[in-house]
Every structure is written in structure tokens, then in C-alpha cells.
Amino acid sequence: MWGIDCVQTGGSSGGGFLANFDASTGGGYLVGNISVSAGSNEYHPYLGNEALSLYQQAGS
């Protein structure tokens, strides 16, 4: 789990976090999702190579 110093508004749970986001194309890589908040921080699981492999297998 990794965290950020920010708390999203209600209803944002499960929303994605993207790396290398390009606003002009809407592209990026999903690396986590909004999961748990504590105080003024939120904590998110990091989706690594195992998640990428599962995604690729599901698309086959």
C-alpha cells in the first residue's frame, strides 16, 4: 500500500490512479485505486506486474 496526502470526496472509492496520464488522449497506466482513508491521507494498493499479467491473460 502507498499513500498520498489527500482525501477524495464521497463516492470516489474504487476509482483509479493513473501513471503517465496524457490529458490530450486520455491514456495512461492504471497503477492503483482509491481504497482507504485515514485522517488527511489515503492509502492505495499498488497494482504491479502480477496485475498486469492477469489483465493480459484475461484479454486473450
C-alpha atoms as a PDB file:
ATOM      1  CA  MET A   1       0.000   0.000   0.000  1.00  0.00           C
ATOM      2  CA  TRP A   2       1.164   3.527  -0.701  1.00  0.00           C
ATOM      3  CA  GLY A   3      -0.400   6.780   0.359  1.00  0.00           C
ATOM      4  CA  ILE A   4      -0.997  10.338  -0.728  1.00  0.00           C
ATOM      5  CA  ASP A   5      -1.673  13.446   1.343  1.00  0.00           C
ATOM      6  CA  CYS A   6      -5.199  13.958   0.015  1.00  0.00           C
ATOM      7  CA  VAL A   7      -8.714  12.763   0.766  1.00  0.00           C
ATOM      8  CA  GLN A   8     -11.199  12.361  -2.078  1.00  0.00           C
ATOM      9  CA  THR A   9     -14.883  13.131  -1.766  1.00  0.00           C
ATOM     10  CA  GLY A  10     -17.588  10.557  -1.097  1.00  0.00           C
ATOM     11  CA  GLY A  11     -18.239   8.114  -3.919  1.00  0.00           C
ATOM     12  CA  SER A  12     -14.649   8.065  -5.153  1.00  0.00           C
ATOM     13  CA  SER A  13     -13.785   4.677  -3.617  1.00  0.00           C
ATOM     14  CA  GLY A  14     -12.532   2.240  -6.224  1.00  0.00           C
ATOM     15  CA  GLY A  15     -11.589   4.998  -8.648  1.00  0.00           C
ATOM     16  CA  GLY A  16      -8.323   4.505 -10.487  1.00  0.00           C
ATOM     17  CA  PHE A  17      -4.907   6.147 -10.194  1.00  0.00           C
ATOM     18  CA  LEU A  18      -3.050   6.514 -13.468  1.00  0.00           C
ATOM     19  CA  ALA A  19       0.663   6.858 -14.229  1.00  0.00           C
ATOM     20  CA  ASN A  20       1.881   8.637 -17.357  1.00  0.00           C
ATOM     21  CA  PHE A  21      -1.556  10.182 -17.861  1.00  0.00           C
ATOM     22  CA  ASP A  22      -1.929  12.151 -21.095  1.00  0.00           C
ATOM     23  CA  ALA A  23      -4.848  14.593 -20.872  1.00  0.00           C
ATOM     24  CA  SER A  24      -4.940  15.073 -24.644  1.00  0.00           C
ATOM     25  CA  THR A  25      -5.554  11.368 -25.348  1.00  0.00           C
ATOM     26  CA  GLY A  26      -6.979  10.171 -22.019  1.00  0.00           C
ATOM     27  CA  GLY A  27      -4.318   7.444 -21.954  1.00  0.00           C
ATOM     28  CA  GLY A  28      -2.288   6.207 -19.030  1.00  0.00           C
ATOM     29  CA  TYR A  29      -1.491   3.139 -16.986  1.00  0.00           C
ATOM     30  CA  LEU A  30      -3.679   2.027 -14.080  1.00  0.00           C
ATOM     31  CA  VAL A  31      -1.369   1.649 -11.069  1.00  0.00           C
ATOM     32  CA  GLY A  32      -3.814   1.648  -8.133  1.00  0.00           C
ATOM     33  CA  ASN A  33      -7.260   2.531  -6.882  1.00  0.00           C
ATOM     34  CA  ILE A  34      -8.743   4.627  -4.090  1.00  0.00           C
ATOM     35  CA  SER A  35      -9.056   2.283  -1.133  1.00  0.00           C
ATOM     36  CA  VAL A  36      -8.721   3.518   2.479  1.00  0.00           C
ATOM     37  CA  SER A  37      -8.555   6.964   4.082  1.00  0.00           C
ATOM     38  CA  ALA A  38      -7.134   7.821   7.490  1.00  0.00           C
ATOM     39  CA  GLY A  39      -7.040  11.424   8.656  1.00  0.00           C
ATOM     40  CA  SER A  40      -5.763  13.542   5.778  1.00  0.00           C
ATOM     41  CA  ASN A  41      -4.192  10.611   3.896  1.00  0.00           C
ATOM     42  CA  GLU A  42      -5.458   7.938   1.533  1.00  0.00           C
ATOM     43  CA  TYR A  43      -3.862   4.562   1.027  1.00  0.00           C
ATOM     44  CA  HIS A  44      -3.954   2.583  -2.162  1.00  0.00           C
ATOM     45  CA  PRO A  45      -2.814  -0.863  -3.253  1.00  0.00           C
ATOM     46  CA  TYR A  46      -0.140  -0.726  -5.943  1.00  0.00           C
ATOM     47  CA  LEU A  47      -1.041  -2.809  -8.974  1.00  0.00           C
ATOM     48  CA  GLY A  48       2.246  -4.265 -10.222  1.00  0.00           C
ATOM     49  CA  ASN A  49       3.392  -6.933 -12.652  1.00  0.00           C
ATOM     50  CA  GLU A  50       1.045  -9.586 -11.255  1.00  0.00           C
ATOM     51  CA  ALA A  51      -1.977  -7.410 -12.016  1.00  0.00           C
ATOM     52  CA  LEU A  52      -0.610  -6.652 -15.496  1.00  0.00           C
ATOM     53  CA  SER A  53      -0.138 -10.359 -16.195  1.00  0.00           C
ATOM     54  CA  LEU A  54      -3.690 -11.147 -15.064  1.00  0.00           C
ATOM     55  CA  TYR A  55      -5.052  -8.335 -17.259  1.00  0.00           C
ATOM     56  CA  GLN A  56      -3.139  -9.646 -20.272  1.00  0.00           C
ATOM     57  CA  GLN A  57      -4.329 -13.220 -19.685  1.00  0.00           C
ATOM     58  CA  ALA A  58      -7.954 -12.086 -19.354  1.00  0.00           C
ATOM     59  CA  GLY A  59      -7.688 -10.283 -22.685  1.00  0.00           C
ATOM     60  CA  SER A  60      -6.504 -13.406 -24.521  1.00  0.00           C
END
